[in-house]
Amino acid sequence: MMLKMTLKSYPFSSFILCVILFLSLMPVPETKLNDVPFIDKWTHIAMYGGFSLVLWFECLRQDKHSCKNITTWCISTFMPVILSGILELLQEYATTCRSGDWWDLLANTLGVVLASILACTTLQHLMKK
């Protein structure tokens, strides 16, 4: 029942979560983008910022005043950061093709914080209209 409610309430976030889980645990292919400085960190900021922003959007869609709600903050901000830490630990200790990195966790957290600021300043006002 809870899973069905979550998938119904947060369909886009659930999809993005599955994509992040898959990408976080699969081997990383070599590409020409590897030559771009800090491409890995920019990717982490974008992935987790996007994930958090979609979570905020889906929470605000259900309750226009949820920026003041502690549950929304837990779902949209703290949960992605905690998930990020768990995935970094899984990469380090449960895979042979990936390694955990504190700088990745920091980049993920930066993405989530930026998304939370954007959601509570801009997205909330846009959705009220």
C-alpha atoms as a PDB file:
ATOM      1  CA  MET A   1       0.000   0.000   0.000  1.00  0.00           C
ATOM      2  CA  MET A   2       2.765   2.470   0.956  1.00  0.00           C
ATOM      3  CA  LEU A   3       4.798   1.698  -2.183  1.00  0.00           C
ATOM      4  CA  LYS A   4       1.718   2.180  -4.385  1.00  0.00           C
ATOM      5  CA  MET A   5       1.014   5.530  -2.715  1.00  0.00           C
ATOM      6  CA  THR A   6       4.619   6.619  -3.152  1.00  0.00           C
ATOM      7  CA  LEU A   7       4.725   5.678  -6.820  1.00  0.00           C
ATOM      8  CA  LYS A   8       1.405   7.434  -7.387  1.00  0.00           C
ATOM      9  CA  SER A   9       2.436  10.570  -5.456  1.00  0.00           C
ATOM     10  CA  TYR A  10       6.015  10.742  -6.767  1.00  0.00           C
ATOM     11  CA  PRO A  11       6.099   9.067 -10.215  1.00  0.00           C
ATOM     12  CA  PHE A  12       8.861  11.209 -11.767  1.00  0.00           C
ATOM     13  CA  SER A  13      11.000  11.133  -8.639  1.00  0.00           C
ATOM     14  CA  SER A  14      10.650   7.353  -8.456  1.00  0.00           C
ATOM     15  CA  PHE A  15      11.805   7.048 -12.062  1.00  0.00           C
ATOM     16  CA  ILE A  16      14.784   9.380 -11.492  1.00  0.00           C
ATOM     17  CA  LEU A  17      15.688   7.429  -8.346  1.00  0.00           C
ATOM     18  CA  CYS A  18      15.809   4.184 -10.367  1.00  0.00           C
ATOM     19  CA  VAL A  19      18.023   5.870 -12.984  1.00  0.00           C
ATOM     20  CA  ILE A  20      20.386   7.196 -10.294  1.00  0.00           C
ATOM     21  CA  LEU A  21      20.593   3.767  -8.651  1.00  0.00           C
ATOM     22  CA  PHE A  22      21.403   2.150 -11.988  1.00  0.00           C
ATOM     23  CA  LEU A  23      23.978   4.763 -13.003  1.00  0.00           C
ATOM     24  CA  SER A  24      25.620   4.754  -9.581  1.00  0.00           C
ATOM     25  CA  LEU A  25      26.271   1.025  -9.551  1.00  0.00           C
ATOM     26  CA  MET A  26      27.182   0.325 -13.189  1.00  0.00           C
ATOM     27  CA  PRO A  27      30.718   0.572 -14.601  1.00  0.00           C
ATOM     28  CA  VAL A  28      31.546   4.005 -16.014  1.00  0.00           C
ATOM     29  CA  PRO A  29      32.447   3.877 -19.732  1.00  0.00           C
ATOM     30  CA  GLU A  30      35.351   5.941 -21.056  1.00  0.00           C
ATOM     31  CA  THR A  31      34.213   8.898 -23.205  1.00  0.00           C
ATOM     32  CA  LYS A  32      35.695  12.073 -24.652  1.00  0.00           C
ATOM     33  CA  LEU A  33      33.952  13.971 -21.838  1.00  0.00           C
ATOM     34  CA  ASN A  34      36.452  12.481 -19.380  1.00  0.00           C
ATOM     35  CA  ASP A  35      38.860  15.200 -20.557  1.00  0.00           C
ATOM     36  CA  VAL A  36      36.523  17.966 -19.320  1.00  0.00           C
ATOM     37  CA  PRO A  37      37.768  19.240 -15.941  1.00  0.00           C
ATOM     38  CA  PHE A  38      35.502  18.189 -13.053  1.00  0.00           C
ATOM     39  CA  ILE A  39      32.922  16.608 -15.407  1.00  0.00           C
ATOM     40  CA  ASP A  40      32.239  13.958 -12.775  1.00  0.00           C
ATOM     41  CA  LYS A  41      31.415  16.575 -10.130  1.00  0.00           C
ATOM     42  CA  TRP A  42      29.222  18.607 -12.508  1.00  0.00           C
ATOM     43  CA  THR A  43      27.341  15.396 -13.308  1.00  0.00           C
ATOM     44  CA  HIS A  44      26.778  14.704  -9.616  1.00  0.00           C
ATOM     45  CA  ILE A  45      25.527  18.249  -9.014  1.00  0.00           C
ATOM     46  CA  ALA A  46      23.132  17.996 -11.969  1.00  0.00           C
ATOM     47  CA  MET A  47      21.842  14.507 -11.107  1.00  0.00           C
ATOM     48  CA  TYR A  48      21.112  15.160  -7.462  1.00  0.00           C
ATOM     49  CA  GLY A  49      19.992  18.748  -8.043  1.00  0.00           C
ATOM     50  CA  GLY A  50      17.558  17.518 -10.677  1.00  0.00           C
ATOM     51  CA  PHE A  51      16.356  14.702  -8.434  1.00  0.00           C
ATOM     52  CA  SER A  52      15.778  17.079  -5.529  1.00  0.00           C
ATOM     53  CA  LEU A  53      14.073  19.659  -7.745  1.00  0.00           C
ATOM     54  CA  VAL A  54      11.641  17.041  -9.068  1.00  0.00           C
ATOM     55  CA  LEU A  55      10.947  15.905  -5.497  1.00  0.00           C
ATOM     56  CA  TRP A  56      10.228  19.516  -4.534  1.00  0.00           C
ATOM     57  CA  PHE A  57       7.958  19.933  -7.563  1.00  0.00           C
ATOM     58  CA  GLU A  58       5.979  16.816  -6.695  1.00  0.00           C
ATOM     59  CA  CYS A  59       5.686  17.880  -3.040  1.00  0.00           C
ATOM     60  CA  LEU A  60       4.623  21.415  -3.986  1.00  0.00           C
ATOM     61  CA  ARG A  61       2.101  19.990  -6.454  1.00  0.00           C
ATOM     62  CA  GLN A  62       0.396  18.274  -3.513  1.00  0.00           C
ATOM     63  CA  ASP A  63       0.700  21.190  -1.070  1.00  0.00           C
ATOM     64  CA  LYS A  64       1.489  24.716  -2.291  1.00  0.00           C
ATOM     65  CA  HIS A  65       2.807  25.735   1.138  1.00  0.00           C
ATOM     66  CA  SER A  66       5.067  22.746   1.671  1.00  0.00           C
ATOM     67  CA  CYS A  67       8.266  24.834   1.830  1.00  0.00           C
ATOM     68  CA  LYS A  68       7.196  25.454   5.424  1.00  0.00           C
ATOM     69  CA  ASN A  69       6.579  21.741   6.014  1.00  0.00           C
ATOM     70  CA  ILE A  70       9.334  19.728   7.737  1.00  0.00           C
ATOM     71  CA  THR A  71       8.198  16.518   5.993  1.00  0.00           C
ATOM     72  CA  THR A  72       8.797  18.109   2.599  1.00  0.00           C
ATOM     73  CA  TRP A  73      12.267  19.230   3.669  1.00  0.00           C
ATOM     74  CA  CYS A  74      13.039  15.692   4.832  1.00  0.00           C
ATOM     75  CA  ILE A  75      11.798  14.137   1.579  1.00  0.00           C
ATOM     76  CA  SER A  76      13.259  16.694  -0.825  1.00  0.00           C
ATOM     77  CA  THR A  77      16.517  17.649   0.865  1.00  0.00           C
ATOM     78  CA  PHE A  78      17.679  15.238   3.534  1.00  0.00           C
ATOM     79  CA  MET A  79      16.599  11.994   1.832  1.00  0.00           C
ATOM     80  CA  PRO A  80      18.630  12.622  -1.380  1.00  0.00           C
ATOM     81  CA  VAL A  81      21.726  13.527   0.680  1.00  0.00           C
ATOM     82  CA  ILE A  82      21.375  10.391   2.817  1.00  0.00           C
ATOM     83  CA  LEU A  83      20.751   8.288  -0.295  1.00  0.00           C
ATOM     84  CA  SER A  84      23.856   9.807  -1.847  1.00  0.00           C
ATOM     85  CA  GLY A  85      25.958   8.796   1.151  1.00  0.00           C
ATOM     86  CA  ILE A  86      24.580   5.260   1.080  1.00  0.00           C
ATOM     87  CA  LEU A  87      25.344   4.962  -2.640  1.00  0.00           C
ATOM     88  CA  GLU A  88      28.889   6.208  -2.146  1.00  0.00           C
ATOM     89  CA  LEU A  89      29.383   3.542   0.529  1.00  0.00           C
ATOM     90  CA  LEU A  90      27.874   0.894  -1.766  1.00  0.00           C
ATOM     91  CA  GLN A  91      30.204   1.974  -4.561  1.00  0.00           C
ATOM     92  CA  GLU A  92      33.180   1.598  -2.247  1.00  0.00           C
ATOM     93  CA  TYR A  93      32.290  -1.640  -0.493  1.00  0.00           C
ATOM     94  CA  ALA A  94      29.775  -3.510  -2.684  1.00  0.00           C
ATOM     95  CA  THR A  95      31.155  -3.051  -6.209  1.00  0.00           C
ATOM     96  CA  THR A  96      34.431  -3.824  -7.898  1.00  0.00           C
ATOM     97  CA  CYS A  97      33.921  -1.338 -10.738  1.00  0.00           C
ATOM     98  CA  ARG A  98      33.268   1.839  -8.711  1.00  0.00           C
ATOM     99  CA  SER A  99      34.792   3.635  -5.754  1.00  0.00           C
ATOM    100  CA  GLY A 100      33.187   5.856  -3.154  1.00  0.00           C
ATOM    101  CA  ASP A 101      34.347   9.454  -3.017  1.00  0.00           C
ATOM    102  CA  TRP A 102      33.743  12.119  -0.364  1.00  0.00           C
ATOM    103  CA  TRP A 103      33.984  14.809  -3.063  1.00  0.00           C
ATOM    104  CA  ASP A 104      31.114  13.110  -4.929  1.00  0.00           C
ATOM    105  CA  LEU A 105      29.035  13.239  -1.754  1.00  0.00           C
ATOM    106  CA  LEU A 106      29.863  16.933  -1.426  1.00  0.00           C
ATOM    107  CA  ALA A 107      28.889  17.578  -5.073  1.00  0.00           C
ATOM    108  CA  ASN A 108      25.625  15.667  -4.562  1.00  0.00           C
ATOM    109  CA  THR A 109      24.861  17.720  -1.463  1.00  0.00           C
ATOM    110  CA  LEU A 110      25.623  20.959  -3.317  1.00  0.00           C
ATOM    111  CA  GLY A 111      23.168  19.952  -6.056  1.00  0.00           C
ATOM    112  CA  VAL A 112      20.462  19.211  -3.486  1.00  0.00           C
ATOM    113  CA  VAL A 113      21.043  22.488  -1.618  1.00  0.00           C
ATOM    114  CA  LEU A 114      20.912  24.520  -4.852  1.00  0.00           C
ATOM    115  CA  ALA A 115      17.690  22.751  -5.870  1.00  0.00           C
ATOM    116  CA  SER A 116      16.143  23.413  -2.459  1.00  0.00           C
ATOM    117  CA  ILE A 117      16.980  27.118  -2.663  1.00  0.00           C
ATOM    118  CA  LEU A 118      15.558  27.299  -6.186  1.00  0.00           C
ATOM    119  CA  ALA A 119      12.422  25.411  -5.171  1.00  0.00           C
ATOM    120  CA  CYS A 120      11.651  27.586  -2.152  1.00  0.00           C
ATOM    121  CA  THR A 121      12.363  30.864  -3.891  1.00  0.00           C
ATOM    122  CA  THR A 122      11.165  30.392  -7.459  1.00  0.00           C
ATOM    123  CA  LEU A 123       9.294  27.142  -7.944  1.00  0.00           C
ATOM    124  CA  GLN A 124       6.923  27.706  -5.026  1.00  0.00           C
ATOM    125  CA  HIS A 125       5.905  31.130  -6.356  1.00  0.00           C
ATOM    126  CA  LEU A 126       5.431  29.829  -9.903  1.00  0.00           C
ATOM    127  CA  MET A 127       3.186  27.006  -8.715  1.00  0.00           C
ATOM    128  CA  LYS A 128       0.973  29.354  -6.684  1.00  0.00           C
ATOM    129  CA  LYS A 129      -0.029  31.161  -9.878  1.00  0.00           C
END
